[in-house]
Amino acid sequence: MIQHARFNLNDIAHEPSDEQLDALMEAVATEARKHAQTAREQLMIRLRAEITAVDSLLLTRA
């Protein structure tokens, strides 16, 4: 990852450049995608476990 000069979004005297804001938005989007992927993977694990539990319950009743 490219290192950019640090900046403070609350500092109204020294506003970040467009490039810095673009880099920040891209970094935030990348992290959001990572978190979303992790959440999807965890959801699928839980769903598969639930489906397996229901399938085994139905098979024992048949």
N, C-alpha and C. Protein backbone atom coordinates (compact mmCIF):
# COMPACT_ATOMS: atom_id res chain seq x y z
N MET A 1 0.85 -1.18 0.00
CA MET A 1 0.00 0.00 0.00
C MET A 1 0.89 1.24 0.00
N ILE A 2 0.48 2.25 -0.70
CA ILE A 2 1.23 3.49 -0.78
C ILE A 2 1.04 4.27 0.51
N GLN A 3 2.15 4.76 1.07
CA GLN A 3 2.07 5.58 2.27
C GLN A 3 1.81 7.03 1.87
N HIS A 4 0.81 7.63 2.50
CA HIS A 4 0.46 9.02 2.22
C HIS A 4 0.74 9.85 3.46
N ALA A 5 0.94 11.14 3.26
CA ALA A 5 1.13 12.02 4.39
C ALA A 5 -0.10 11.97 5.28
N ARG A 6 0.14 11.98 6.57
CA ARG A 6 -0.98 11.92 7.52
C ARG A 6 -1.69 13.27 7.53
N PHE A 7 -2.96 13.22 7.78
CA PHE A 7 -3.74 14.45 7.87
C PHE A 7 -4.84 14.26 8.89
N ASN A 8 -5.37 15.35 9.35
CA ASN A 8 -6.43 15.35 10.35
C ASN A 8 -7.70 15.89 9.69
N LEU A 9 -8.71 15.06 9.60
CA LEU A 9 -9.95 15.49 8.95
C LEU A 9 -10.66 16.59 9.73
N ASN A 10 -10.31 16.77 10.99
CA ASN A 10 -10.93 17.82 11.81
C ASN A 10 -10.19 19.15 11.74
N ASP A 11 -9.06 19.18 11.07
CA ASP A 11 -8.25 20.40 10.98
C ASP A 11 -8.73 21.23 9.80
N ILE A 12 -9.49 22.28 10.07
CA ILE A 12 -10.04 23.08 8.97
C ILE A 12 -9.01 24.04 8.39
N ALA A 13 -7.90 24.22 9.07
CA ALA A 13 -6.85 25.11 8.56
C ALA A 13 -6.00 24.42 7.50
N HIS A 14 -5.88 23.11 7.58
CA HIS A 14 -5.05 22.35 6.63
C HIS A 14 -5.89 21.21 6.06
N GLU A 15 -6.62 21.47 5.02
CA GLU A 15 -7.49 20.46 4.42
C GLU A 15 -6.66 19.43 3.65
N PRO A 16 -7.11 18.18 3.67
CA PRO A 16 -6.42 17.15 2.90
C PRO A 16 -6.61 17.39 1.40
N SER A 17 -5.65 16.91 0.64
CA SER A 17 -5.74 17.04 -0.82
C SER A 17 -6.77 16.05 -1.35
N ASP A 18 -7.17 16.26 -2.58
CA ASP A 18 -8.09 15.33 -3.24
C ASP A 18 -7.49 13.93 -3.29
N GLU A 19 -6.18 13.86 -3.53
CA GLU A 19 -5.51 12.56 -3.60
C GLU A 19 -5.57 11.86 -2.23
N GLN A 20 -5.37 12.63 -1.16
CA GLN A 20 -5.45 12.04 0.17
C GLN A 20 -6.86 11.55 0.48
N LEU A 21 -7.85 12.33 0.10
CA LEU A 21 -9.23 11.91 0.33
C LEU A 21 -9.58 10.69 -0.51
N ASP A 22 -9.11 10.66 -1.75
CA ASP A 22 -9.34 9.49 -2.60
C ASP A 22 -8.72 8.24 -1.98
N ALA A 23 -7.49 8.39 -1.47
CA ALA A 23 -6.81 7.25 -0.84
C ALA A 23 -7.57 6.80 0.41
N LEU A 24 -8.04 7.75 1.19
CA LEU A 24 -8.81 7.41 2.38
C LEU A 24 -10.09 6.68 2.01
N MET A 25 -10.82 7.18 1.03
CA MET A 25 -12.06 6.53 0.61
C MET A 25 -11.80 5.13 0.09
N GLU A 26 -10.72 4.95 -0.65
CA GLU A 26 -10.39 3.62 -1.16
C GLU A 26 -10.03 2.68 -0.01
N ALA A 27 -9.28 3.17 0.98
CA ALA A 27 -8.92 2.35 2.13
C ALA A 27 -10.17 1.95 2.91
N VAL A 28 -11.09 2.87 3.09
CA VAL A 28 -12.33 2.57 3.80
C VAL A 28 -13.15 1.54 3.01
N ALA A 29 -13.24 1.72 1.71
CA ALA A 29 -13.99 0.77 0.88
C ALA A 29 -13.36 -0.62 0.93
N THR A 30 -12.04 -0.69 0.91
CA THR A 30 -11.35 -1.98 0.98
C THR A 30 -11.65 -2.68 2.29
N GLU A 31 -11.58 -1.94 3.38
CA GLU A 31 -11.89 -2.53 4.69
C GLU A 31 -13.35 -2.97 4.77
N ALA A 32 -14.24 -2.18 4.21
CA ALA A 32 -15.67 -2.54 4.22
C ALA A 32 -15.89 -3.82 3.43
N ARG A 33 -15.21 -3.97 2.29
CA ARG A 33 -15.34 -5.20 1.50
C ARG A 33 -14.81 -6.40 2.28
N LYS A 34 -13.69 -6.23 2.99
CA LYS A 34 -13.14 -7.33 3.80
C LYS A 34 -14.12 -7.75 4.88
N HIS A 35 -14.69 -6.78 5.58
CA HIS A 35 -15.63 -7.08 6.64
C HIS A 35 -16.89 -7.73 6.09
N ALA A 36 -17.36 -7.27 4.95
CA ALA A 36 -18.54 -7.86 4.33
C ALA A 36 -18.28 -9.30 3.92
N GLN A 37 -17.11 -9.57 3.37
CA GLN A 37 -16.76 -10.94 2.97
C GLN A 37 -16.70 -11.85 4.19
N THR A 38 -16.09 -11.38 5.25
CA THR A 38 -16.02 -12.17 6.48
C THR A 38 -17.41 -12.45 7.03
N ALA A 39 -18.27 -11.45 7.01
CA ALA A 39 -19.65 -11.63 7.50
C ALA A 39 -20.39 -12.64 6.64
N ARG A 40 -20.21 -12.58 5.31
CA ARG A 40 -20.86 -13.55 4.42
C ARG A 40 -20.38 -14.97 4.71
N GLU A 41 -19.07 -15.11 4.91
CA GLU A 41 -18.51 -16.43 5.18
C GLU A 41 -19.05 -16.99 6.49
N GLN A 42 -19.13 -16.16 7.52
CA GLN A 42 -19.65 -16.61 8.81
C GLN A 42 -21.14 -16.97 8.69
N LEU A 43 -21.88 -16.20 7.94
CA LEU A 43 -23.29 -16.50 7.73
C LEU A 43 -23.46 -17.84 7.03
N MET A 44 -22.66 -18.09 6.02
CA MET A 44 -22.76 -19.36 5.29
C MET A 44 -22.42 -20.54 6.20
N ILE A 45 -21.44 -20.37 7.06
CA ILE A 45 -21.09 -21.45 8.00
C ILE A 45 -22.28 -21.75 8.91
N ARG A 46 -22.90 -20.70 9.43
CA ARG A 46 -24.06 -20.89 10.31
C ARG A 46 -25.24 -21.50 9.56
N LEU A 47 -25.47 -21.05 8.33
CA LEU A 47 -26.57 -21.60 7.54
C LEU A 47 -26.36 -23.07 7.23
N ARG A 48 -25.13 -23.43 6.86
CA ARG A 48 -24.84 -24.84 6.57
C ARG A 48 -25.05 -25.70 7.81
N ALA A 49 -24.64 -25.19 8.97
CA ALA A 49 -24.83 -25.93 10.21
C ALA A 49 -26.32 -26.11 10.50
N GLU A 50 -27.10 -25.08 10.31
CA GLU A 50 -28.55 -25.18 10.53
C GLU A 50 -29.19 -26.16 9.56
N ILE A 51 -28.81 -26.09 8.30
CA ILE A 51 -29.36 -27.01 7.30
C ILE A 51 -28.99 -28.45 7.63
N THR A 52 -27.76 -28.67 8.04
CA THR A 52 -27.32 -30.01 8.42
C THR A 52 -28.12 -30.52 9.61
N ALA A 53 -28.34 -29.64 10.59
CA ALA A 53 -29.11 -30.04 11.77
C ALA A 53 -30.55 -30.40 11.40
N VAL A 54 -31.16 -29.62 10.55
CA VAL A 54 -32.53 -29.90 10.13
C VAL A 54 -32.58 -31.17 9.30
N ASP A 55 -31.62 -31.34 8.39
CA ASP A 55 -31.59 -32.56 7.57
C ASP A 55 -31.46 -33.81 8.44
N SER A 56 -30.59 -33.77 9.40
CA SER A 56 -30.40 -34.95 10.26
C SER A 56 -31.65 -35.20 11.10
N LEU A 57 -32.32 -34.15 11.53
CA LEU A 57 -33.57 -34.30 12.29
C LEU A 57 -34.65 -34.93 11.40
N LEU A 58 -34.74 -34.48 10.18
CA LEU A 58 -35.75 -35.04 9.26
C LEU A 58 -35.45 -36.50 8.92
N LEU A 59 -34.17 -36.83 8.79
CA LEU A 59 -33.81 -38.21 8.46
C LEU A 59 -34.12 -39.17 9.62
N THR A 60 -33.99 -38.70 10.85
CA THR A 60 -34.27 -39.58 11.99
C THR A 60 -35.77 -39.80 12.14
N ARG A 61 -36.58 -38.90 11.64
CA ARG A 61 -38.04 -39.04 11.74
C ARG A 61 -38.60 -39.87 10.59
N ALA A 62 -37.84 -40.05 9.54
CA ALA A 62 -38.35 -40.75 8.37
C ALA A 62 -38.37 -42.24 8.53
